[in-house]
Protein backbone atom coordinates (compact mmCIF):
# COMPACT_ATOMS: atom_id res chain seq x y z
CA GLN A 1 0.07 -0.08 0.01
CA VAL A 2 1.48 3.33 -1.14
CA GLN A 3 0.42 6.41 0.86
CA LEU A 4 1.31 10.02 -0.07
CA VAL A 5 0.66 12.86 2.34
CA GLU A 6 0.93 16.35 1.18
CA SER A 7 1.64 19.51 3.43
CA GLY A 8 2.61 23.07 3.17
CA GLY A 9 -0.17 24.63 1.36
CA GLY A 10 -1.82 27.94 2.48
CA LEU A 11 -2.62 31.41 1.54
CA VAL A 12 0.20 33.68 0.34
CA GLN A 13 0.24 37.14 -1.40
CA SER A 14 1.37 37.61 -5.01
CA GLY A 15 5.13 37.27 -5.33
CA GLY A 16 5.41 35.05 -2.16
CA SER A 17 6.79 31.68 -1.73
CA LEU A 18 5.48 28.37 -0.51
CA ARG A 19 7.08 24.85 -0.13
CA LEU A 20 4.97 21.79 -0.64
CA SER A 21 6.08 18.38 0.84
CA CYS A 22 4.75 14.99 -0.22
CA ALA A 23 5.77 12.33 2.44
CA ALA A 24 5.66 8.86 1.02
CA SER A 25 5.22 5.53 2.80
CA GLY A 26 8.64 4.05 2.19
CA SER A 27 11.54 4.95 -0.09
CA ILE A 28 10.79 7.26 -2.95
CA PHE A 29 13.39 5.42 -4.93
CA ARG A 30 10.77 2.71 -5.51
CA PHE A 31 8.84 5.05 -7.80
CA ASN A 32 9.68 5.47 -11.45
CA VAL A 33 8.35 8.98 -11.45
CA MET A 34 6.92 11.34 -8.88
CA GLY A 35 5.22 14.62 -9.60
CA TRP A 36 3.05 17.56 -8.64
CA TYR A 37 -0.28 18.20 -10.41
CA ARG A 38 -2.59 20.97 -9.71
CA GLN A 39 -6.38 21.54 -10.24
CA ALA A 40 -8.11 24.93 -10.23
CA PRO A 41 -12.02 25.18 -10.04
CA GLY A 42 -13.57 24.12 -13.22
CA LYS A 43 -10.43 23.19 -14.92
CA PRO A 44 -8.67 19.78 -15.56
CA ARG A 45 -5.88 18.47 -13.37
CA ASP A 46 -2.54 19.50 -15.02
CA LEU A 47 1.03 18.29 -14.53
CA VAL A 48 3.17 21.09 -13.06
CA ALA A 49 6.38 19.31 -12.24
CA GLN A 50 7.91 15.80 -12.35
CA ILE A 51 11.17 14.07 -11.31
CA THR A 52 12.30 10.64 -12.38
CA ILE A 53 14.23 8.07 -10.33
CA GLY A 54 17.39 9.22 -12.33
CA GLY A 55 16.88 12.79 -11.31
CA SER A 56 15.45 14.17 -14.62
CA THR A 57 13.00 16.99 -14.23
CA TYR A 58 9.97 18.42 -16.14
CA TYR A 59 8.21 21.60 -15.59
CA LYS A 60 5.04 23.16 -17.04
CA ASP A 61 6.06 26.19 -19.15
CA SER A 62 4.16 28.64 -16.90
CA VAL A 63 6.23 27.63 -13.80
CA LYS A 64 9.69 27.34 -15.35
CA GLY A 65 12.16 29.43 -13.44
CA ARG A 66 9.67 29.80 -10.51
CA PHE A 67 9.10 26.18 -9.09
CA THR A 68 11.74 23.59 -8.24
CA ILE A 69 11.03 19.91 -7.72
CA SER A 70 13.30 17.79 -5.52
CA GLY A 71 13.45 14.66 -3.51
CA ASP A 72 15.01 13.64 -0.28
CA ASN A 73 15.21 9.90 0.08
CA ALA A 74 16.43 10.01 3.62
CA LYS A 75 12.99 11.67 4.49
CA ASN A 76 11.10 9.76 1.84
CA THR A 77 9.79 13.17 0.72
CA VAL A 78 9.44 15.04 -2.52
CA TYR A 79 9.24 18.79 -2.28
CA LEU A 80 7.92 21.51 -4.58
CA GLN A 81 9.39 24.98 -3.84
CA MET A 82 7.19 27.59 -5.45
CA ASN A 83 8.63 31.15 -5.77
CA SER A 84 7.31 34.31 -7.35
CA LEU A 85 3.78 32.99 -6.94
CA LYS A 86 0.86 34.47 -8.97
CA PRO A 87 -2.86 34.42 -8.60
CA GLU A 88 -3.10 32.09 -11.48
CA ASP A 89 -1.17 29.43 -9.51
CA THR A 90 -4.07 29.22 -7.08
CA ALA A 91 -5.17 25.49 -7.13
CA VAL A 92 -5.22 22.27 -5.16
CA TYR A 93 -1.93 20.68 -5.57
CA TYR A 94 -1.66 16.82 -5.71
CA CYS A 95 1.28 14.75 -5.21
CA ASN A 96 1.63 11.72 -7.56
CA ALA A 97 3.80 8.69 -7.79
CA ASN A 98 4.06 5.90 -10.35
CA LEU A 99 5.10 2.56 -9.24
CA GLY A 100 5.05 -0.35 -11.70
CA GLY A 101 2.62 1.54 -14.00
CA LYS A 102 0.16 2.06 -11.21
CA GLU A 103 -0.80 5.70 -10.25
CA TYR A 104 -0.97 6.88 -6.57
CA TRP A 105 -2.23 10.25 -5.38
CA GLY A 106 -2.19 12.26 -2.29
CA GLN A 107 -5.28 14.05 -0.73
CA GLY A 108 -4.29 17.40 -2.14
CA ALA A 109 -3.18 20.72 -0.64
CA GLN A 110 -4.77 24.10 -1.23
CA VAL A 111 -2.49 26.89 -2.49
CA THR A 112 -4.21 30.31 -2.67
CA VAL A 113 -2.29 33.27 -4.01
CA SER A 114 -4.01 36.73 -3.40
CA SER A 115 -3.29 39.61 -5.71
C-alpha cells in the first residue's frame, strides 16, 4: 500500500513563496516518477512538475524558473518549492507517484495566491 501525504499549502500574497511536501510511505526510490499536479476550480488536473528516479525533471512552461521539484530519500519526501507565486497558481496541488505503472495520489493541498 502506497500512501502520499501532502503538506505546506496555504494563503500567500502575489510574489510570495511556499514549499509543498509529499511524504511517502517508504523509499521514494521505488517510484519510477513522482510529480505534482494542480487543479483549479472548473479546470482539468494539470501536470506542474515531475522528477524521475534518475533525477531528470520536467516543468510546465508557466512555472519554469519559479518552481523547483526535488526529492530527499532519507526523509521519503518530495518537495515543490514555489517562488514568485501568481494568482493564477491558485489551485489544489496533488502529489503523484508511479510504481510499476500504477498511479498513486495524495489527498491534495490548497494553495491560494492573493493579488
